[in-house]
Amino acid sequence: MTTKTSGLGLFWQNVVSLPSSLRESFARRSAPTSDRARSQSIFANIFLHIHSTRVHPHALRLSYTWGLGVASAALFFILTVTGVLLMIYYKPSTELAYQSIKDLHYVVPTGRFIRNIHRWAAQLMVITVLLHMARVFYTGSYKKPREFNWVIGLGLFVLTLALSFTGYLLPWDQLAYWAITIGANIAASPTELTDAIGITHWFNIGAFQKELLLGASEVGEDALIRFYVLHVMILPILLAIGMSAHIWRVRKDGGLSRPGRHTTAAGKGVGASQPVPQTPSSSPTKTYGLMCVVKGKTPATDQNLDETVPSWPYLLRAELLVLMVFTFFSLVLAYFFDAPLKELANPSVPENPAKAPWYFLGLQEMVSYSAFIGGVVVPAVAMIGLALIPYLDREREQVGVWFSGAVGRVVAWRSLVFGAIAAVAMVAIPVNFGWLRNWFPGIPQLWIILINPGTILTALYVLWSVYELKRSGSTRMAAIALFTCFLVGFAILTTVGTVFRGPNWDFYWWPSQWPTH
């Protein structure tokens, strides 16, 4: 005989079970207690679905990845959170922007600290993305079938720089105003070439690019609004989409590259120097379906379940650790170092020296010789060259090995020395002896544009790569030589622009030698 529950009693039972009902409606699964349950949780969770259910221990090795890809994503998350908080007080107007930053700095509770975190997280993200790209290159992780993901990664690198650069203008102080003025002049630099060949009056692409960037002929209200929209909406959305595609393709290409893998009939894995023919006896005997969750009769994955570990908890725990470490770094930097804020932007009082953000100071060094070559041609050639590397280096060799072995390490060291000597020479010669205009006062401007330290340095690096190609007969070694040269050249020119350039972009050993008024 059953006891009938009254309506009031039924209501009370629902109230008592309310916490569990809410929890069950939110989470489709209870806390997993087995590897299979953890795999199913990842597979069924929209936020964790970007992970594979299992991962090879090699991908967790700190000495292989250094957690740089995860660090970049973690810093983007920190930037998004702090950026949204800053948007509450920031006013994108030339009349109010500077004052709103000062309010954040001095009035809003924790405003200065949040702005500092945003500032240092952005700097760290530029560094981690750059180092992540170098790690992927030196381990040969751009090889088939990951060629296009390398191109996506380059796009993310450009978006990261653009995101940081557009945020530079928002404080609307002297530092921001004149740094963006330099960027706008680089955009207008093709006029330098069209002037030299006398076609500017009917084809002024430089002025068009500058107006497209600023929304006007000079840095002002239109530029501030344009940079604000790019910084808070368009570029973050593009970056989030690109990161999703980047991570998704890593997963679909078999996870992080690692040595000892061979291309399989299913297309997974990474290229190998000597493809191993699969015979019925040597083919994988284990097969897994439903993302390795359930065993069954599916195409062989070449993954031995016993050689992998569940992503939950091993990978998720490592990712959480990286997030905590870089959050800690951002907090420490934000505590000890304030984000810079100079005087209110004044178009009639130029900064001297006016310097771009540090990651563009290498370009600014070359721009000082020719804005068109240093600001447009060399960066374009470098980016196109980097994008084509996976398609020009088709050697089937072991990937996931730093520098592709001992020979690659020797080539990298040799290229580092050559690249450093060439970069120092291209700075020292103009500083000590001048350049073409000093030697040949009547030389046409076109020669000044085309033959300058930037073009000479780029040509030397390309010739060095060709030399390594002929010497070793390996496109991989040639790629290592070229990439290393550009990397060390970028580091040296950035150092010169940061430390040794003073008023009027003259060379000084120490800032204490700068002229005083």
Protein backbone atom coordinates (compact mmCIF):
# COMPACT_ATOMS: atom_id res chain seq x y z
CA MET A 1 0.00 0.00 0.00
CA THR A 2 1.56 3.28 -1.06
CA THR A 3 1.30 6.49 0.86
CA LYS A 4 0.02 9.41 -1.15
CA THR A 5 2.18 12.52 -0.82
CA SER A 6 0.36 15.78 -0.42
CA GLY A 7 1.01 18.66 -2.80
CA LEU A 8 2.70 20.63 -0.03
CA GLY A 9 4.94 17.66 0.81
CA LEU A 10 5.85 17.21 -2.85
CA PHE A 11 6.76 20.89 -3.08
CA TRP A 12 8.94 20.58 0.03
CA GLN A 13 10.74 17.55 -1.42
CA ASN A 14 11.50 19.59 -4.55
CA VAL A 15 12.86 22.43 -2.39
CA VAL A 16 15.11 20.04 -0.50
CA SER A 17 16.40 18.47 -3.70
CA LEU A 18 16.88 21.86 -5.37
CA PRO A 19 20.73 21.92 -5.05
CA SER A 20 21.12 18.48 -6.59
CA SER A 21 18.56 19.28 -9.31
CA LEU A 22 20.44 22.45 -10.26
CA ARG A 23 23.76 20.57 -10.28
CA GLU A 24 22.37 17.77 -12.45
CA SER A 25 20.87 20.24 -14.93
CA PHE A 26 24.24 22.03 -15.22
CA ALA A 27 26.61 19.05 -15.33
CA ARG A 28 25.55 16.07 -17.38
CA ARG A 29 27.94 13.79 -15.54
CA SER A 30 28.99 13.30 -11.98
CA ALA A 31 32.63 13.58 -10.96
CA PRO A 32 34.54 10.94 -12.95
CA THR A 33 36.12 8.12 -11.02
CA SER A 34 37.78 6.19 -13.87
CA ASP A 35 39.86 6.90 -16.97
CA ARG A 36 36.93 6.05 -19.15
CA ALA A 37 34.65 8.46 -17.28
CA ARG A 38 37.27 11.21 -17.51
CA SER A 39 37.58 10.67 -21.25
CA GLN A 40 33.81 10.79 -21.64
CA SER A 41 33.70 14.03 -19.64
CA ILE A 42 36.18 15.70 -21.96
CA PHE A 43 34.40 14.42 -25.03
CA ALA A 44 31.03 15.70 -23.80
CA ASN A 45 32.15 19.09 -22.43
CA ILE A 46 32.08 22.03 -24.83
CA PHE A 47 34.99 23.77 -23.10
CA LEU A 48 37.15 20.67 -22.86
CA HIS A 49 36.25 19.30 -26.28
CA ILE A 50 39.26 21.01 -27.84
CA HIS A 51 41.40 18.41 -26.09
CA SER A 52 41.89 14.85 -27.19
CA THR A 53 40.75 12.38 -24.58
CA ARG A 54 44.23 10.93 -24.22
CA VAL A 55 47.65 12.42 -24.72
CA HIS A 56 51.15 11.03 -25.17
CA PRO A 57 53.48 11.73 -22.22
CA HIS A 58 56.00 13.31 -24.62
CA ALA A 59 53.56 16.19 -25.15
CA LEU A 60 53.66 16.88 -21.41
CA ARG A 61 57.45 17.21 -21.26
CA LEU A 62 58.37 20.73 -20.17
CA SER A 63 61.71 20.60 -22.00
CA TYR A 64 59.85 19.99 -25.28
CA THR A 65 56.96 22.48 -25.29
CA TRP A 66 57.92 24.77 -22.39
CA GLY A 67 54.16 25.31 -22.12
CA LEU A 68 54.46 28.26 -24.51
CA GLY A 69 51.31 27.60 -26.54
CA VAL A 70 49.22 27.16 -23.41
CA ALA A 71 50.89 30.24 -21.88
CA SER A 72 49.88 32.34 -24.89
CA ALA A 73 46.26 31.19 -24.57
CA ALA A 74 46.32 31.78 -20.81
CA LEU A 75 47.66 35.31 -21.27
CA PHE A 76 44.97 36.01 -23.86
CA PHE A 77 42.41 34.93 -21.26
CA ILE A 78 43.96 37.28 -18.67
CA LEU A 79 43.99 40.12 -21.21
CA THR A 80 40.34 39.53 -22.05
CA VAL A 81 39.23 39.62 -18.42
CA THR A 82 41.28 42.69 -17.47
CA GLY A 83 40.41 44.41 -20.76
CA VAL A 84 36.68 44.06 -20.09
CA LEU A 85 37.18 45.56 -16.62
CA LEU A 86 39.12 48.50 -18.07
CA MET A 87 36.39 49.14 -20.64
CA ILE A 88 33.98 50.00 -17.82
CA TYR A 89 35.89 53.23 -17.11
CA TYR A 90 37.71 53.98 -20.35
CA LYS A 91 36.23 56.66 -22.67
CA PRO A 92 37.42 56.51 -26.32
CA SER A 93 37.60 60.25 -26.94
CA THR A 94 40.58 62.55 -27.40
CA GLU A 95 39.12 64.86 -24.75
CA LEU A 96 38.34 62.17 -22.18
CA ALA A 97 40.66 59.21 -22.88
CA TYR A 98 43.70 60.57 -21.00
CA GLN A 99 41.60 61.66 -18.03
CA SER A 100 39.87 58.27 -17.84
CA ILE A 101 43.29 56.58 -17.72
CA LYS A 102 44.34 58.96 -14.93
CA ASP A 103 41.12 58.12 -13.09
CA LEU A 104 41.99 54.43 -13.44
CA HIS A 105 45.46 55.19 -12.16
CA TYR A 106 44.58 57.35 -9.16
CA VAL A 107 40.85 57.15 -8.37
CA VAL A 108 39.28 53.82 -9.30
CA PRO A 109 39.93 51.17 -6.61
CA THR A 110 42.43 48.60 -7.98
CA GLY A 111 42.25 50.39 -11.35
CA ARG A 112 46.02 50.94 -11.50
CA PHE A 113 46.68 47.31 -10.62
CA ILE A 114 44.30 45.96 -13.27
CA ARG A 115 45.80 48.28 -15.90
CA ASN A 116 49.27 47.12 -14.91
CA ILE A 117 48.24 43.48 -15.23
CA HIS A 118 46.77 44.19 -18.67
CA ARG A 119 49.96 45.93 -19.73
CA TRP A 120 52.38 43.22 -18.59
CA ALA A 121 50.22 40.34 -19.76
CA ALA A 122 50.26 41.91 -23.25
CA GLN A 123 54.06 42.14 -23.17
CA LEU A 124 54.37 38.55 -21.97
CA MET A 125 51.99 37.35 -24.67
CA VAL A 126 54.13 38.88 -27.44
CA ILE A 127 57.17 37.11 -25.97
CA THR A 128 55.48 33.71 -25.52
CA VAL A 129 53.97 33.74 -29.02
CA LEU A 130 57.37 34.55 -30.50
CA LEU A 131 59.09 31.82 -28.48
CA HIS A 132 56.31 29.34 -29.29
CA MET A 133 56.82 29.98 -32.99
CA ALA A 134 60.57 29.41 -32.57
CA ARG A 135 59.92 26.15 -30.69
CA VAL A 136 57.62 24.86 -33.41
CA PHE A 137 60.15 25.76 -36.09
CA TYR A 138 63.23 24.28 -34.44
CA THR A 139 61.44 20.99 -33.71
CA GLY A 140 60.28 20.77 -37.34
CA SER A 141 56.65 20.68 -36.25
CA TYR A 142 55.53 22.55 -39.37
CA LYS A 143 55.99 19.52 -41.60
CA LYS A 144 53.22 17.57 -43.28
CA PRO A 145 50.36 17.43 -42.39
CA ARG A 146 50.81 20.58 -40.30
CA GLU A 147 51.86 23.01 -43.02
CA PHE A 148 48.72 25.12 -42.97
CA ASN A 149 48.59 25.19 -39.20
CA TRP A 150 52.02 26.85 -39.32
CA VAL A 151 50.46 29.52 -41.58
CA ILE A 152 47.58 29.94 -39.11
CA GLY A 153 50.15 30.34 -36.34
CA LEU A 154 51.91 33.09 -38.31
CA GLY A 155 48.54 34.82 -38.68
CA LEU A 156 48.06 34.62 -34.91
CA PHE A 157 51.50 36.15 -34.42
CA VAL A 158 50.56 39.10 -36.65
CA LEU A 159 47.21 39.47 -34.85
CA THR A 160 48.99 39.48 -31.49
CA LEU A 161 51.28 42.31 -32.61
CA ALA A 162 48.31 44.21 -34.07
CA LEU A 163 46.31 43.77 -30.88
CA SER A 164 49.17 45.09 -28.78
CA PHE A 165 49.90 47.95 -31.19
CA THR A 166 46.28 49.17 -31.33
CA GLY A 167 46.14 49.23 -27.54
CA TYR A 168 49.21 51.45 -27.50
CA LEU A 169 47.23 54.54 -28.61
CA LEU A 170 44.38 54.29 -26.13
CA PRO A 171 46.01 56.14 -23.17
CA TRP A 172 46.35 59.14 -25.49
CA ASP A 173 49.60 60.35 -23.92
CA GLN A 174 52.77 61.60 -25.59
CA LEU A 175 54.27 58.12 -25.77
CA ALA A 176 51.20 56.68 -27.50
CA TYR A 177 50.62 59.60 -29.86
CA TRP A 178 54.12 59.70 -31.31
CA ALA A 179 54.51 55.93 -31.45
CA ILE A 180 51.35 55.70 -33.56
CA THR A 181 52.59 58.63 -35.66
CA ILE A 182 55.66 56.53 -36.48
CA GLY A 183 53.42 53.60 -37.42
CA ALA A 184 51.29 55.84 -39.62
CA ASN A 185 54.38 57.19 -41.37
CA ILE A 186 55.50 53.61 -42.07
CA ALA A 187 52.08 52.96 -43.63
CA ALA A 188 52.63 56.03 -45.81
CA SER A 189 56.18 55.02 -46.72
CA PRO A 190 55.37 53.75 -50.25
CA THR A 191 55.10 57.44 -51.13
CA GLU A 192 58.87 57.52 -50.70
CA LEU A 193 59.17 55.16 -53.66
CA THR A 194 56.43 56.71 -55.80
CA ASP A 195 58.04 60.14 -55.25
CA ALA A 196 61.41 58.79 -56.38
CA ILE A 197 59.99 57.43 -59.63
CA GLY A 198 57.60 60.40 -60.12
CA ILE A 199 54.18 58.73 -60.09
CA THR A 200 52.75 59.98 -56.76
CA HIS A 201 50.41 62.49 -58.41
CA TRP A 202 48.32 59.67 -59.93
CA PHE A 203 49.17 56.68 -57.70
CA ASN A 204 49.65 57.60 -54.05
CA ILE A 205 49.25 54.26 -52.33
CA GLY A 206 51.14 55.50 -49.27
CA ALA A 207 48.61 58.26 -48.49
CA PHE A 208 45.76 55.77 -49.04
CA GLN A 209 47.26 53.27 -46.57
CA LYS A 210 47.82 55.98 -43.97
CA GLU A 211 44.26 57.25 -44.24
CA LEU A 212 42.94 53.70 -44.11
CA LEU A 213 44.83 53.15 -40.84
CA LEU A 214 43.98 56.48 -39.19
CA GLY A 215 40.65 57.37 -40.78
CA ALA A 216 42.20 60.77 -41.47
CA SER A 217 45.47 62.28 -42.62
CA GLU A 218 46.77 62.70 -39.05
CA VAL A 219 46.46 60.92 -35.69
CA GLY A 220 43.29 62.24 -34.03
CA GLU A 221 39.77 61.38 -32.94
CA ASP A 222 39.09 59.14 -35.94
CA ALA A 223 42.27 57.16 -35.32
CA LEU A 224 41.49 56.74 -31.63
CA ILE A 225 38.00 55.37 -32.30
CA ARG A 226 39.31 53.15 -35.08
CA PHE A 227 42.07 51.71 -32.89
CA TYR A 228 39.63 51.27 -30.00
CA VAL A 229 37.17 49.24 -32.08
CA LEU A 230 39.99 47.15 -33.51
CA HIS A 231 41.48 46.58 -30.06
CA VAL A 232 38.36 45.65 -28.09
CA MET A 233 36.28 43.85 -30.72
CA ILE A 234 37.57 43.00 -34.17
CA LEU A 235 41.10 41.77 -33.37
CA PRO A 236 40.12 39.78 -30.22
CA ILE A 237 37.35 38.02 -32.16
CA LEU A 238 39.71 37.19 -35.01
CA LEU A 239 42.33 36.00 -32.53
CA ALA A 240 39.83 33.79 -30.70
CA ILE A 241 38.64 32.24 -33.98
CA GLY A 242 42.23 31.72 -35.14
CA MET A 243 43.29 30.14 -31.84
CA SER A 244 40.32 27.76 -31.97
CA ALA A 245 41.21 26.68 -35.48
CA HIS A 246 44.89 26.38 -34.51
CA ILE A 247 44.19 24.14 -31.51
CA TRP A 248 41.60 22.11 -33.41
CA ARG A 249 44.06 21.37 -36.20
CA VAL A 250 46.75 20.32 -33.71
CA ARG A 251 44.31 17.79 -32.33
CA LYS A 252 43.17 16.57 -35.75
CA ASP A 253 46.78 16.17 -36.88
CA GLY A 254 47.44 13.70 -34.10
CA GLY A 255 48.36 15.96 -31.20
CA LEU A 256 51.72 17.60 -30.58
CA SER A 257 54.47 16.34 -32.82
CA ARG A 258 56.92 13.91 -31.30
CA PRO A 259 59.74 11.71 -32.55
CA GLY A 260 59.10 8.12 -33.44
CA ARG A 261 55.81 8.61 -35.27
CA HIS A 262 55.11 7.57 -38.82
CA THR A 263 52.48 8.57 -41.29
CA THR A 264 49.60 6.15 -41.24
CA ALA A 265 47.02 5.15 -43.75
CA ALA A 266 44.47 7.13 -41.79
CA GLY A 267 46.56 10.28 -42.31
CA LYS A 268 47.28 10.81 -38.67
CA GLY A 269 50.68 11.26 -37.15
CA VAL A 270 53.52 13.25 -38.62
CA GLY A 271 55.99 12.70 -41.41
CA ALA A 272 58.88 10.33 -41.01
CA SER A 273 62.20 10.20 -42.81
CA GLN A 274 61.65 6.60 -43.79
CA PRO A 275 57.99 5.66 -43.99
CA VAL A 276 57.49 2.25 -42.51
CA PRO A 277 55.40 0.02 -44.77
CA GLN A 278 52.47 -1.48 -42.94
CA THR A 279 51.93 -5.19 -43.27
CA PRO A 280 49.05 -7.16 -41.84
CA SER A 281 51.33 -8.52 -39.13
CA SER A 282 52.82 -5.14 -38.17
CA SER A 283 49.66 -3.06 -38.38
CA PRO A 284 48.22 -1.87 -35.09
CA THR A 285 46.19 -4.58 -33.52
CA LYS A 286 44.31 -2.34 -31.15
CA THR A 287 41.48 -0.22 -32.46
CA TYR A 288 39.55 2.41 -30.62
CA GLY A 289 36.31 4.18 -31.41
CA LEU A 290 34.63 7.27 -30.06
CA MET A 291 37.85 9.24 -29.54
CA CYS A 292 39.57 6.33 -27.81
CA VAL A 293 36.79 6.07 -25.26
CA VAL A 294 35.23 2.79 -26.31
CA LYS A 295 37.04 -0.14 -27.87
CA GLY A 296 35.47 -1.43 -31.02
CA LYS A 297 35.88 -2.23 -34.72
CA THR A 298 37.04 1.11 -36.14
CA PRO A 299 39.93 2.12 -38.42
CA ALA A 300 43.25 1.60 -36.68
CA THR A 301 44.55 4.79 -35.08
CA ASP A 302 48.20 3.71 -34.68
CA GLN A 303 47.78 4.77 -31.08
CA ASN A 304 48.59 2.25 -28.46
CA LEU A 305 46.31 3.04 -25.56
CA ASP A 306 48.91 1.75 -23.14
CA GLU A 307 51.41 4.42 -24.33
CA THR A 308 49.12 7.35 -23.60
CA VAL A 309 47.68 8.91 -20.48
CA PRO A 310 44.26 10.50 -19.95
CA SER A 311 44.10 14.23 -20.69
CA TRP A 312 42.17 14.50 -17.46
CA PRO A 313 43.96 14.97 -15.11
CA TYR A 314 47.47 15.05 -16.62
CA LEU A 315 47.08 17.60 -19.42
CA LEU A 316 44.46 19.73 -17.65
CA ARG A 317 46.61 19.84 -14.54
CA ALA A 318 49.63 21.00 -16.59
CA GLU A 319 47.53 23.67 -18.31
CA LEU A 320 46.20 24.91 -14.99
CA LEU A 321 49.76 25.10 -13.68
CA VAL A 322 50.86 27.21 -16.66
CA LEU A 323 47.87 29.52 -16.18
CA MET A 324 48.75 29.95 -12.49
CA VAL A 325 52.44 30.59 -13.22
CA PHE A 326 51.80 33.29 -15.82
CA THR A 327 49.06 34.85 -13.72
CA PHE A 328 51.60 35.00 -10.92
CA PHE A 329 54.21 36.62 -13.20
CA SER A 330 51.66 39.20 -14.36
CA LEU A 331 50.67 39.99 -10.77
CA VAL A 332 54.29 40.38 -9.63
CA LEU A 333 55.18 42.65 -12.54
CA ALA A 334 51.99 44.66 -12.02
CA TYR A 335 52.78 45.08 -8.34
CA PHE A 336 56.33 46.39 -8.83
CA PHE A 337 56.10 48.21 -12.19
CA ASP A 338 53.42 50.67 -13.28
CA ALA A 339 52.27 50.84 -16.88
CA PRO A 340 53.80 54.00 -18.41
CA LEU A 341 51.70 57.16 -18.67
CA LYS A 342 53.36 60.35 -19.88
CA GLU A 343 51.91 63.80 -20.42
CA LEU A 344 48.74 64.39 -22.40
CA ALA A 345 49.30 63.95 -26.15
CA ASN A 346 50.46 67.19 -27.73
CA PRO A 347 50.74 67.16 -31.56
CA SER A 348 52.88 70.33 -31.50
CA VAL A 349 55.58 68.94 -29.17
CA PRO A 350 57.16 65.80 -30.65
CA GLU A 351 58.87 63.27 -28.46
CA ASN A 352 62.61 63.05 -29.04
CA PRO A 353 63.39 60.25 -29.43
CA ALA A 354 59.94 59.00 -30.45
CA LYS A 355 60.10 55.24 -30.16
CA ALA A 356 57.69 52.53 -31.28
CA PRO A 357 56.76 49.63 -28.95
CA TRP A 358 59.84 47.52 -28.21
CA TYR A 359 58.83 44.69 -30.58
CA PHE A 360 58.86 47.20 -33.49
CA LEU A 361 62.15 48.90 -32.55
CA GLY A 362 64.10 46.54 -34.80
CA LEU A 363 61.94 47.67 -37.70
CA GLN A 364 62.32 51.29 -36.61
CA GLU A 365 66.09 50.87 -36.81
CA MET A 366 65.74 49.83 -40.47
CA VAL A 367 63.04 52.46 -41.07
CA SER A 368 65.58 55.11 -40.06
CA TYR A 369 67.40 54.29 -43.32
CA SER A 370 64.34 53.76 -45.52
CA ALA A 371 60.75 53.70 -44.31
CA PHE A 372 59.57 51.80 -47.37
CA ILE A 373 62.23 49.09 -47.33
CA GLY A 374 62.50 48.80 -43.55
CA GLY A 375 58.82 49.16 -42.72
CA VAL A 376 57.13 47.42 -45.64
CA VAL A 377 59.39 45.38 -47.92
CA VAL A 378 61.59 43.57 -45.39
CA PRO A 379 58.68 42.60 -43.04
CA ALA A 380 56.61 41.46 -46.03
CA VAL A 381 59.49 39.37 -47.41
CA ALA A 382 60.14 37.88 -43.97
CA MET A 383 56.49 36.92 -43.39
CA ILE A 384 56.05 35.46 -46.89
CA GLY A 385 59.29 33.52 -46.49
CA LEU A 386 58.20 32.14 -43.12
CA ALA A 387 54.81 31.13 -44.52
CA LEU A 388 56.42 29.25 -47.42
CA ILE A 389 58.95 27.32 -45.31
CA PRO A 390 56.73 24.21 -44.87
CA TYR A 391 56.06 24.11 -48.60
CA LEU A 392 59.70 24.57 -49.62
CA ASP A 393 61.15 22.23 -46.99
CA ARG A 394 59.53 18.90 -47.94
CA GLU A 395 62.20 16.59 -46.60
CA ARG A 396 60.70 13.52 -44.98
CA GLU A 397 62.61 13.37 -41.74
CA GLN A 398 62.00 12.83 -38.09
CA VAL A 399 60.02 15.65 -36.51
CA GLY A 400 59.77 16.59 -32.88
CA VAL A 401 63.58 16.61 -32.55
CA TRP A 402 65.24 19.90 -31.67
CA PHE A 403 67.20 21.26 -34.66
CA SER A 404 66.65 17.90 -36.41
CA GLY A 405 69.69 16.52 -34.61
CA ALA A 406 73.38 17.33 -34.10
CA VAL A 407 73.95 18.66 -37.62
CA GLY A 408 71.10 21.14 -37.25
CA ARG A 409 72.50 22.37 -33.93
CA VAL A 410 75.85 23.09 -35.59
CA VAL A 411 74.10 24.96 -38.43
CA ALA A 412 72.07 26.97 -35.91
CA TRP A 413 75.15 27.99 -33.92
CA ARG A 414 77.05 28.90 -37.08
CA SER A 415 74.10 30.93 -38.37
CA LEU A 416 73.72 32.66 -35.02
CA VAL A 417 77.33 33.87 -35.20
CA PHE A 418 77.02 34.95 -38.84
CA GLY A 419 73.66 36.65 -38.28
CA ALA A 420 75.00 38.55 -35.25
CA ILE A 421 78.14 39.76 -37.06
CA ALA A 422 76.12 40.89 -40.08
CA ALA A 423 73.56 42.76 -37.94
CA VAL A 424 76.24 44.51 -35.86
CA ALA A 425 78.13 45.46 -39.03
CA MET A 426 74.99 46.93 -40.63
CA VAL A 427 74.57 49.17 -37.57
CA ALA A 428 78.26 50.00 -37.03
CA ILE A 429 79.07 51.02 -40.61
CA PRO A 430 76.38 53.76 -40.96
CA VAL A 431 77.06 55.00 -37.41
CA ASN A 432 80.81 55.35 -37.96
CA PHE A 433 81.15 56.03 -41.68
CA GLY A 434 77.72 57.16 -42.87
CA TRP A 435 75.95 55.66 -45.87
CA LEU A 436 75.49 56.36 -49.58
CA ARG A 437 74.28 59.98 -49.19
CA ASN A 438 77.45 60.83 -47.23
CA TRP A 439 79.70 59.16 -49.76
CA PHE A 440 77.94 60.25 -52.95
CA PRO A 441 75.94 63.45 -52.27
CA GLY A 442 74.44 63.55 -55.75
CA ILE A 443 73.19 59.96 -55.81
CA PRO A 444 69.53 59.56 -56.94
CA GLN A 445 67.01 58.98 -54.13
CA LEU A 446 65.92 55.70 -55.71
CA TRP A 447 69.35 54.19 -54.96
CA ILE A 448 69.12 55.44 -51.38
CA ILE A 449 65.78 53.65 -51.03
CA LEU A 450 66.86 50.38 -52.61
CA ILE A 451 70.41 50.07 -51.23
CA ASN A 452 70.39 50.60 -47.47
CA PRO A 453 71.51 48.57 -44.43
CA GLY A 454 68.12 46.83 -44.24
CA THR A 455 68.25 45.46 -47.77
CA ILE A 456 71.95 44.56 -47.45
CA LEU A 457 71.26 42.68 -44.20
CA THR A 458 68.32 40.79 -45.72
CA ALA A 459 70.38 39.90 -48.79
CA LEU A 460 73.24 38.62 -46.60
CA TYR A 461 70.86 36.37 -44.68
CA VAL A 462 69.36 34.96 -47.87
CA LEU A 463 72.83 34.34 -49.35
CA TRP A 464 73.88 32.58 -46.14
CA SER A 465 70.84 30.32 -46.40
CA VAL A 466 71.69 29.52 -50.03
CA TYR A 467 75.25 28.73 -48.95
CA GLU A 468 73.98 26.29 -46.31
CA LEU A 469 71.67 24.74 -48.89
CA LYS A 470 74.55 24.12 -51.28
CA ARG A 471 76.87 22.92 -48.54
CA SER A 472 74.47 20.49 -46.89
CA GLY A 473 72.07 19.74 -49.74
CA SER A 474 69.26 20.01 -47.20
CA THR A 475 66.33 22.44 -47.38
CA ARG A 476 65.78 21.86 -43.66
CA MET A 477 69.31 23.06 -42.86
CA ALA A 478 68.82 26.07 -45.16
CA ALA A 479 65.58 26.91 -43.34
CA ILE A 480 67.31 26.65 -39.94
CA ALA A 481 70.07 28.97 -41.17
CA LEU A 482 67.64 31.59 -42.50
CA PHE A 483 65.32 31.49 -39.49
CA THR A 484 68.22 31.74 -37.04
CA CYS A 485 69.73 34.68 -38.90
CA PHE A 486 66.46 36.62 -38.87
CA LEU A 487 65.88 35.76 -35.21
CA VAL A 488 69.29 37.00 -34.05
CA GLY A 489 69.03 40.03 -36.37
CA PHE A 490 65.66 40.90 -34.81
CA ALA A 491 67.14 40.59 -31.31
CA ILE A 492 70.19 42.76 -32.06
CA LEU A 493 68.31 45.50 -33.92
CA THR A 494 65.68 45.58 -31.16
CA THR A 495 68.44 45.98 -28.56
CA VAL A 496 70.05 48.78 -30.55
CA GLY A 497 66.74 50.61 -30.92
CA THR A 498 65.90 50.17 -27.25
CA VAL A 499 69.21 50.95 -25.59
CA PHE A 500 71.56 52.75 -27.96
CA ARG A 501 69.33 55.17 -29.84
CA GLY A 502 68.72 58.62 -28.37
CA PRO A 503 67.52 62.05 -29.55
CA ASN A 504 67.27 62.38 -33.35
CA TRP A 505 67.87 58.61 -33.47
CA ASP A 506 71.58 59.17 -32.97
CA PHE A 507 73.73 56.40 -31.49
CA TYR A 508 74.75 56.71 -27.82
CA TRP A 509 76.46 54.12 -25.67
CA TRP A 510 74.51 55.26 -22.61
CA PRO A 511 71.39 57.39 -22.06
CA SER A 512 73.53 59.58 -19.75
CA GLN A 513 75.32 60.82 -22.90
CA TRP A 514 72.09 62.24 -24.34
CA PRO A 515 72.33 66.00 -24.91
CA THR A 516 70.56 68.14 -22.32
CA HIS A 517 68.95 71.55 -22.72
